[in-house]
C-alpha atoms as a PDB file:
ATOM      1  CA  MET A   1      64.137  58.396 109.701  1.00  0.00           C
ATOM      2  CA  PHE A   2      62.896  57.469 113.190  1.00  0.00           C
ATOM      3  CA  HIS A   3      62.348  61.491 113.288  1.00  0.00           C
ATOM      4  CA  ALA A   4      60.527  61.064 109.979  1.00  0.00           C
ATOM      5  CA  ALA A   5      58.638  57.958 110.145  1.00  0.00           C
ATOM      6  CA  LYS A   6      56.652  59.952 113.931  1.00  0.00           C
ATOM      7  CA  ILE A   7      56.203  63.329 111.986  1.00  0.00           C
ATOM      8  CA  ALA A   8      55.040  62.244 108.865  1.00  0.00           C
ATOM      9  CA  ALA A   9      52.515  59.822 111.538  1.00  0.00           C
ATOM     10  CA  TYR A  10      52.213  62.718 113.545  1.00  0.00           C
ATOM     11  CA  ASN A  11      50.899  64.597 110.278  1.00  0.00           C
ATOM     12  CA  PHE A  12      48.709  62.103 109.296  1.00  0.00           C
ATOM     13  CA  PHE A  13      47.140  61.562 111.671  1.00  0.00           C
ATOM     14  CA  GLN A  14      46.237  64.988 112.314  1.00  0.00           C
ATOM     15  CA  LYS A  15      44.922  65.298 109.537  1.00  0.00           C
ATOM     16  CA  TYR A  16      42.422  62.277 109.284  1.00  0.00           C
ATOM     17  CA  LYS A  17      41.348  62.532 113.395  1.00  0.00           C
ATOM     18  CA  HIS A  18      37.693  63.390 112.065  1.00  0.00           C
ATOM     19  CA  ALA A  19      38.169  59.333 111.571  1.00  0.00           C
ATOM     20  CA  TRP A  20      37.091  59.372 115.398  1.00  0.00           C
ATOM     21  CA  VAL A  21      33.417  59.924 114.063  1.00  0.00           C
ATOM     22  CA  LEU A  22      33.332  56.483 112.704  1.00  0.00           C
ATOM     23  CA  LEU A  23      33.574  54.593 116.209  1.00  0.00           C
ATOM     24  CA  TYR A  24      29.691  55.180 115.664  1.00  0.00           C
ATOM     25  CA  VAL A  25      29.931  51.403 114.274  1.00  0.00           C
ATOM     26  CA  PHE A  26      31.452  49.932 117.535  1.00  0.00           C
ATOM     27  CA  ILE A  27      27.994  50.986 119.455  1.00  0.00           C
ATOM     28  CA  TYR A  28      25.518  50.791 116.226  1.00  0.00           C
ATOM     29  CA  LEU A  29      26.871  46.720 115.180  1.00  0.00           C
ATOM     30  CA  PRO A  30      26.444  45.561 118.525  1.00  0.00           C
ATOM     31  CA  TRP A  31      23.236  47.016 119.819  1.00  0.00           C
ATOM     32  CA  PHE A  32      21.963  45.972 116.385  1.00  0.00           C
ATOM     33  CA  ALA A  33      23.109  42.433 117.215  1.00  0.00           C
ATOM     34  CA  TYR A  34      22.245  41.766 119.944  1.00  0.00           C
ATOM     35  CA  LEU A  35      18.319  43.366 117.878  1.00  0.00           C
ATOM     36  CA  GLU A  36      18.386  40.277 115.831  1.00  0.00           C
ATOM     37  CA  LYS A  37      18.912  37.813 118.747  1.00  0.00           C
ATOM     38  CA  THR A  38      16.372  38.577 120.657  1.00  0.00           C
ATOM     39  CA  VAL A  39      13.795  39.879 118.750  1.00  0.00           C
ATOM     40  CA  THR A  40      12.728  36.932 117.070  1.00  0.00           C
ATOM     41  CA  ASN A  41       9.187  35.997 117.874  1.00  0.00           C
ATOM     42  CA  HIS A  42       7.197  37.349 119.782  1.00  0.00           C
ATOM     43  CA  PHE A  43       6.726  41.742 118.366  1.00  0.00           C
ATOM     44  CA  ASN A  44       4.739  44.339 117.037  1.00  0.00           C
ATOM     45  CA  VAL A  45       3.177  43.684 113.815  1.00  0.00           C
ATOM     46  CA  ILE A  46       3.895  46.277 111.010  1.00  0.00           C
ATOM     47  CA  HIS A  47       1.846  46.314 107.754  1.00  0.00           C
ATOM     48  CA  MET A  48      -0.242  48.190 105.469  1.00  0.00           C
ATOM     49  CA  ALA A  49      -2.956  47.326 102.784  1.00  0.00           C
ATOM     50  CA  VAL A  50      -0.846  48.324 100.157  1.00  0.00           C
ATOM     51  CA  ASP A  51       2.169  45.483 101.369  1.00  0.00           C
ATOM     52  CA  ASP A  52      -0.411  42.918  99.398  1.00  0.00           C
ATOM     53  CA  TYR A  53      -0.368  44.767  96.295  1.00  0.00           C
ATOM     54  CA  ILE A  54       3.317  44.892  95.182  1.00  0.00           C
ATOM     55  CA  PRO A  55       4.747  42.061  93.817  1.00  0.00           C
ATOM     56  CA  PHE A  56       7.624  40.148  95.328  1.00  0.00           C
ATOM     57  CA  ASN A  57      10.612  41.164  92.323  1.00  0.00           C
ATOM     58  CA  GLU A  58      13.965  39.162  93.062  1.00  0.00           C
ATOM     59  CA  TYR A  59      16.044  41.686  90.501  1.00  0.00           C
ATOM     60  CA  PHE A  60      15.651  44.757  92.920  1.00  0.00           C
ATOM     61  CA  ILE A  61      18.243  42.790  94.794  1.00  0.00           C
ATOM     62  CA  ILE A  62      21.054  44.132  92.792  1.00  0.00           C
ATOM     63  CA  GLN A  63      20.104  47.524  94.193  1.00  0.00           C
ATOM     64  CA  TYR A  64      19.020  46.717  97.673  1.00  0.00           C
ATOM     65  CA  LEU A  65      22.738  45.506  97.990  1.00  0.00           C
ATOM     66  CA  LEU A  66      24.441  48.562  96.216  1.00  0.00           C
ATOM     67  CA  TRP A  67      23.047  50.466  99.135  1.00  0.00           C
ATOM     68  CA  PHE A  68      25.755  49.108 100.542  1.00  0.00           C
ATOM     69  CA  ARG A  69      28.550  50.531  98.710  1.00  0.00           C
ATOM     70  CA  TYR A  70      26.478  53.508  97.103  1.00  0.00           C
ATOM     71  CA  VAL A  71      26.693  55.298 101.203  1.00  0.00           C
ATOM     72  CA  ALA A  72      30.298  53.920 102.534  1.00  0.00           C
ATOM     73  CA  TYR A  73      31.517  55.797  98.840  1.00  0.00           C
ATOM     74  CA  ALA A  74      30.003  58.688  99.782  1.00  0.00           C
ATOM     75  CA  VAL A  75      31.185  58.713 103.961  1.00  0.00           C
ATOM     76  CA  LEU A  76      34.562  57.573 102.122  1.00  0.00           C
ATOM     77  CA  TYR A  77      34.001  60.573  99.283  1.00  0.00           C
ATOM     78  CA  PHE A  78      33.236  63.189 101.987  1.00  0.00           C
ATOM     79  CA  PHE A  79      35.910  62.261 104.896  1.00  0.00           C
ATOM     80  CA  PHE A  80      39.063  62.152 101.682  1.00  0.00           C
ATOM     81  CA  LYS A  81      37.559  65.570 100.214  1.00  0.00           C
ATOM     82  CA  ASN A  82      35.332  67.874 102.655  1.00  0.00           C
ATOM     83  CA  LYS A  83      35.667  67.920 106.021  1.00  0.00           C
ATOM     84  CA  SER A  84      32.008  70.060 106.378  1.00  0.00           C
ATOM     85  CA  ASP A  85      30.326  67.832 104.477  1.00  0.00           C
ATOM     86  CA  TYR A  86      31.226  64.964 106.518  1.00  0.00           C
ATOM     87  CA  TYR A  87      30.529  65.600 109.986  1.00  0.00           C
ATOM     88  CA  LYS A  88      27.226  67.097 108.260  1.00  0.00           C
ATOM     89  CA  LEU A  89      26.663  63.527 106.095  1.00  0.00           C
ATOM     90  CA  CYS A  90      27.489  60.929 109.421  1.00  0.00           C
ATOM     91  CA  THR A  91      25.915  63.896 111.838  1.00  0.00           C
ATOM     92  CA  PHE A  92      22.875  63.181 109.774  1.00  0.00           C
ATOM     93  CA  LEU A  93      23.761  59.286 109.293  1.00  0.00           C
ATOM     94  CA  PHE A  94      24.085  58.052 112.575  1.00  0.00           C
ATOM     95  CA  VAL A  95      21.329  60.195 114.315  1.00  0.00           C
ATOM     96  CA  GLY A  96      18.979  58.604 112.112  1.00  0.00           C
ATOM     97  CA  MET A  97      20.508  54.827 113.013  1.00  0.00           C
ATOM     98  CA  THR A  98      20.410  55.758 116.421  1.00  0.00           C
ATOM     99  CA  VAL A  99      16.922  56.001 116.710  1.00  0.00           C
ATOM    100  CA  PHE A 100      16.500  53.123 114.736  1.00  0.00           C
ATOM    101  CA  LEU A 101      17.924  51.852 117.339  1.00  0.00           C
ATOM    102  CA  ILE A 102      16.179  53.452 120.035  1.00  0.00           C
ATOM    103  CA  VAL A 103      12.507  52.798 119.244  1.00  0.00           C
ATOM    104  CA  SER A 104      13.136  48.794 117.553  1.00  0.00           C
ATOM    105  CA  THR A 105      14.611  48.933 121.234  1.00  0.00           C
ATOM    106  CA  LEU A 106      11.643  49.779 123.539  1.00  0.00           C
ATOM    107  CA  TYR A 107       9.049  49.060 120.143  1.00  0.00           C
ATOM    108  CA  PRO A 108      10.237  45.423 118.823  1.00  0.00           C
ATOM    109  CA  ASN A 109       8.857  45.365 114.718  1.00  0.00           C
ATOM    110  CA  GLY A 110       9.225  42.672 112.362  1.00  0.00           C
ATOM    111  CA  HIS A 111       6.900  41.215 109.901  1.00  0.00           C
ATOM    112  CA  TYR A 112       5.209  38.608 107.865  1.00  0.00           C
ATOM    113  CA  LEU A 113       5.634  40.072 104.267  1.00  0.00           C
ATOM    114  CA  ARG A 114       8.309  37.313 102.811  1.00  0.00           C
ATOM    115  CA  PRO A 115       6.955  34.916 100.290  1.00  0.00           C
ATOM    116  CA  ARG A 116       6.832  30.950 101.570  1.00  0.00           C
ATOM    117  CA  THR A 117       7.647  29.127  98.292  1.00  0.00           C
ATOM    118  CA  PHE A 118       9.419  31.319  94.806  1.00  0.00           C
ATOM    119  CA  GLU A 119       7.572  31.454  91.216  1.00  0.00           C
ATOM    120  CA  ARG A 120      11.289  31.392  89.823  1.00  0.00           C
ATOM    121  CA  ASP A 121      14.814  29.498  90.235  1.00  0.00           C
ATOM    122  CA  ASN A 122      17.423  32.213  89.353  1.00  0.00           C
ATOM    123  CA  ILE A 123      20.747  34.132  91.287  1.00  0.00           C
ATOM    124  CA  PHE A 124      18.630  36.653  91.960  1.00  0.00           C
ATOM    125  CA  VAL A 125      16.095  34.444  93.740  1.00  0.00           C
ATOM    126  CA  THR A 126      18.724  32.790  94.987  1.00  0.00           C
ATOM    127  CA  MET A 127      20.704  36.354  96.725  1.00  0.00           C
ATOM    128  CA  VAL A 128      17.718  36.889  97.738  1.00  0.00           C
ATOM    129  CA  HIS A 129      18.011  33.631  99.844  1.00  0.00           C
ATOM    130  CA  TRP A 130      20.981  34.262 101.661  1.00  0.00           C
ATOM    131  CA  LEU A 131      19.140  37.789 102.053  1.00  0.00           C
ATOM    132  CA  TYR A 132      16.990  36.953 104.312  1.00  0.00           C
ATOM    133  CA  THR A 133      18.431  34.305 106.307  1.00  0.00           C
ATOM    134  CA  ALA A 134      21.160  36.551 106.677  1.00  0.00           C
ATOM    135  CA  ASP A 135      19.279  39.387 107.491  1.00  0.00           C
ATOM    136  CA  THR A 136      15.866  38.673 109.535  1.00  0.00           C
ATOM    137  CA  PRO A 137      12.486  39.962 109.038  1.00  0.00           C
ATOM    138  CA  THR A 138      12.527  42.271 112.549  1.00  0.00           C
ATOM    139  CA  ASN A 139      13.503  45.811 113.475  1.00  0.00           C
ATOM    140  CA  LEU A 140      12.390  47.061 110.581  1.00  0.00           C
ATOM    141  CA  PHE A 141      11.258  50.585 110.877  1.00  0.00           C
ATOM    142  CA  PRO A 142      12.635  53.510 110.245  1.00  0.00           C
ATOM    143  CA  SER A 143      14.041  51.412 107.067  1.00  0.00           C
ATOM    144  CA  ILE A 144      17.735  52.449 107.493  1.00  0.00           C
ATOM    145  CA  HIS A 145      17.774  51.995 104.002  1.00  0.00           C
ATOM    146  CA  VAL A 146      16.067  54.150 102.646  1.00  0.00           C
ATOM    147  CA  TYR A 147      16.773  56.797 105.454  1.00  0.00           C
ATOM    148  CA  ASN A 148      20.459  56.552 104.511  1.00  0.00           C
ATOM    149  CA  SER A 149      19.831  56.266 101.035  1.00  0.00           C
ATOM    150  CA  LEU A 150      18.094  59.374 101.357  1.00  0.00           C
ATOM    151  CA  GLY A 151      20.747  61.062 103.433  1.00  0.00           C
ATOM    152  CA  VAL A 152      24.063  60.139 101.041  1.00  0.00           C
ATOM    153  CA  HIS A 153      21.144  61.806  97.510  1.00  0.00           C
ATOM    154  CA  PHE A 154      20.820  64.893 100.084  1.00  0.00           C
ATOM    155  CA  ALA A 155      24.358  65.388 101.259  1.00  0.00           C
ATOM    156  CA  ILE A 156      25.154  64.781  96.667  1.00  0.00           C
ATOM    157  CA  CYS A 157      23.117  67.719  96.357  1.00  0.00           C
ATOM    158  CA  SER A 158      24.459  69.303  98.938  1.00  0.00           C
ATOM    159  CA  ASN A 159      28.263  70.265  97.976  1.00  0.00           C
ATOM    160  CA  ALA A 160      29.103  73.330  96.340  1.00  0.00           C
ATOM    161  CA  GLU A 161      31.102  70.738  94.081  1.00  0.00           C
ATOM    162  CA  LEU A 162      29.004  67.487  93.440  1.00  0.00           C
ATOM    163  CA  ARG A 163      25.214  69.426  93.076  1.00  0.00           C
ATOM    164  CA  GLU A 164      27.237  71.617  89.900  1.00  0.00           C
ATOM    165  CA  ASN A 165      27.486  67.342  88.774  1.00  0.00           C
ATOM    166  CA  LYS A 166      24.304  67.088  87.335  1.00  0.00           C
ATOM    167  CA  ARG A 167      24.389  63.186  85.894  1.00  0.00           C
ATOM    168  CA  LEU A 168      26.327  62.005  89.610  1.00  0.00           C
ATOM    169  CA  LYS A 169      23.052  63.847  91.032  1.00  0.00           C
ATOM    170  CA  THR A 170      20.772  62.028  88.235  1.00  0.00           C
ATOM    171  CA  ALA A 171      22.311  58.676  88.931  1.00  0.00           C
ATOM    172  CA  SER A 172      22.430  58.693  92.489  1.00  0.00           C
ATOM    173  CA  PHE A 173      18.552  59.943  92.402  1.00  0.00           C
ATOM    174  CA  LEU A 174      18.581  57.408  90.509  1.00  0.00           C
ATOM    175  CA  LEU A 175      19.348  54.644  92.549  1.00  0.00           C
ATOM    176  CA  MET A 176      18.662  56.060  96.086  1.00  0.00           C
ATOM    177  CA  THR A 177      15.033  55.432  94.223  1.00  0.00           C
ATOM    178  CA  SER A 178      15.622  51.898  93.092  1.00  0.00           C
ATOM    179  CA  ILE A 179      17.420  50.997  96.871  1.00  0.00           C
ATOM    180  CA  ILE A 180      14.042  52.121  97.979  1.00  0.00           C
ATOM    181  CA  LEU A 181      11.975  50.801  95.642  1.00  0.00           C
ATOM    182  CA  ALA A 182      14.287  48.129  96.597  1.00  0.00           C
ATOM    183  CA  THR A 183      13.166  47.459 100.308  1.00  0.00           C
ATOM    184  CA  MET A 184       9.521  46.679  98.806  1.00  0.00           C
ATOM    185  CA  PHE A 185       9.607  44.947  95.643  1.00  0.00           C
ATOM    186  CA  LEU A 186      12.106  42.587  97.944  1.00  0.00           C
ATOM    187  CA  LYS A 187       9.872  42.201 100.989  1.00  0.00           C
ATOM    188  CA  GLN A 188      12.219  43.424 102.680  1.00  0.00           C
ATOM    189  CA  HIS A 189       9.988  46.358 104.532  1.00  0.00           C
ATOM    190  CA  SER A 190       7.169  47.516 104.644  1.00  0.00           C
ATOM    191  CA  VAL A 191       5.618  50.944 103.491  1.00  0.00           C
ATOM    192  CA  PHE A 192       4.940  52.118 106.716  1.00  0.00           C
ATOM    193  CA  ASP A 193       9.142  51.692 106.929  1.00  0.00           C
ATOM    194  CA  VAL A 194       9.638  53.106 104.110  1.00  0.00           C
ATOM    195  CA  ILE A 195       7.517  56.990 104.948  1.00  0.00           C
ATOM    196  CA  THR A 196       8.680  56.523 108.421  1.00  0.00           C
ATOM    197  CA  ALA A 197      11.862  57.279 107.297  1.00  0.00           C
ATOM    198  CA  ILE A 198      11.145  59.338 104.447  1.00  0.00           C
ATOM    199  CA  VAL A 199       9.697  61.965 107.006  1.00  0.00           C
ATOM    200  CA  MET A 200      12.614  61.488 109.707  1.00  0.00           C
ATOM    201  CA  ALA A 201      15.005  62.151 106.352  1.00  0.00           C
ATOM    202  CA  ALA A 202      12.609  65.272 106.085  1.00  0.00           C
ATOM    203  CA  LEU A 203      13.280  66.005 109.938  1.00  0.00           C
ATOM    204  CA  MET A 204      16.774  65.346 110.055  1.00  0.00           C
ATOM    205  CA  TYR A 205      17.290  67.547 106.850  1.00  0.00           C
ATOM    206  CA  SER A 206      15.794  70.601 108.152  1.00  0.00           C
ATOM    207  CA  PHE A 207      18.366  70.591 111.032  1.00  0.00           C
ATOM    208  CA  VAL A 208      20.931  69.328 108.806  1.00  0.00           C
ATOM    209  CA  TYR A 209      21.539  71.075 105.917  1.00  0.00           C
ATOM    210  CA  GLY A 210      18.816  73.249 106.404  1.00  0.00           C
ATOM    211  CA  LYS A 211      21.557  76.823 105.856  1.00  0.00           C
ATOM    212  CA  VAL A 212      22.151  74.709 102.779  1.00  0.00           C
ATOM    213  CA  PHE A 213      19.119  74.654 101.055  1.00  0.00           C
ATOM    214  CA  VAL A 214      18.431  78.626 102.365  1.00  0.00           C
ATOM    215  CA  ALA A 215      21.673  79.949 100.774  1.00  0.00           C
ATOM    216  CA  GLY A 216      21.243  78.340  97.941  1.00  0.00           C
ATOM    217  CA  ARG A 217      17.446  79.400  97.498  1.00  0.00           C
ATOM    218  CA  GLN A 218      19.305  82.944  98.190  1.00  0.00           C
ATOM    219  CA  LYS A 219      21.647  82.652  95.617  1.00  0.00           C
ATOM    220  CA  ALA A 220      19.401  80.691  92.458  1.00  0.00           C
ATOM    221  CA  TYR A 221      16.846  84.358  93.664  1.00  0.00           C
ATOM    222  CA  GLU A 222      19.505  86.214  93.958  1.00  0.00           C
ATOM    223  CA  LYS A 223      20.969  85.211  89.782  1.00  0.00           C
ATOM    224  CA  GLN A 224      17.205  85.372  88.874  1.00  0.00           C
ATOM    225  CA  LEU A 225      17.221  89.217  90.373  1.00  0.00           C
ATOM    226  CA  HIS A 226      20.821  89.430  87.767  1.00  0.00           C
ATOM    227  CA  HIS A 227      19.085  88.426  85.000  1.00  0.00           C
ATOM    228  CA  THR A 228      16.090  90.580  84.789  1.00  0.00           C
END
């Protein structure tokens, strides 16, 4: 019986040994926590004129918080369903997150966009208060909320099975877009943070999913030729 359990455990670890990639959290979390403690008052202010025209809207707190499930569910799905796409997604996410940490270390940054008072008093404002308490307005760009949301959507659209599910792709796109908007309407990020995240995501996409994109275009072209 002990021998059988030993074999089962061995087979389990062999099957899911790609979990080693997730050890990256033990690099990211301590580094980020250090930045949150050290980058407080003396930082480079991030601001664009367009930021002042974006109104605060507490209702976006729901989409903002959904980001955590959006990213976690995607990583877990590919972890169990598609090892190759799992590695691609993790590469995309973790490289970008490391770039963010390096930028924040070498160029301490923050903003003064958050409202000092709130026009309304409701549960969503209370949730925003909680967010502001837990997350300082520093270490902002490129926005990881924006970058990782794009990464998850790219992974879904690049997966051979999921990209055929139009409803899922639409839902993913809408959630991704609403999360990106949430970062600005909650005054968590400047438009500058969003732009830099999109640029970095575009560069990483060409590196991680470039061949997938080319293959997809080639398949569509051959399909078009077949129907003509």
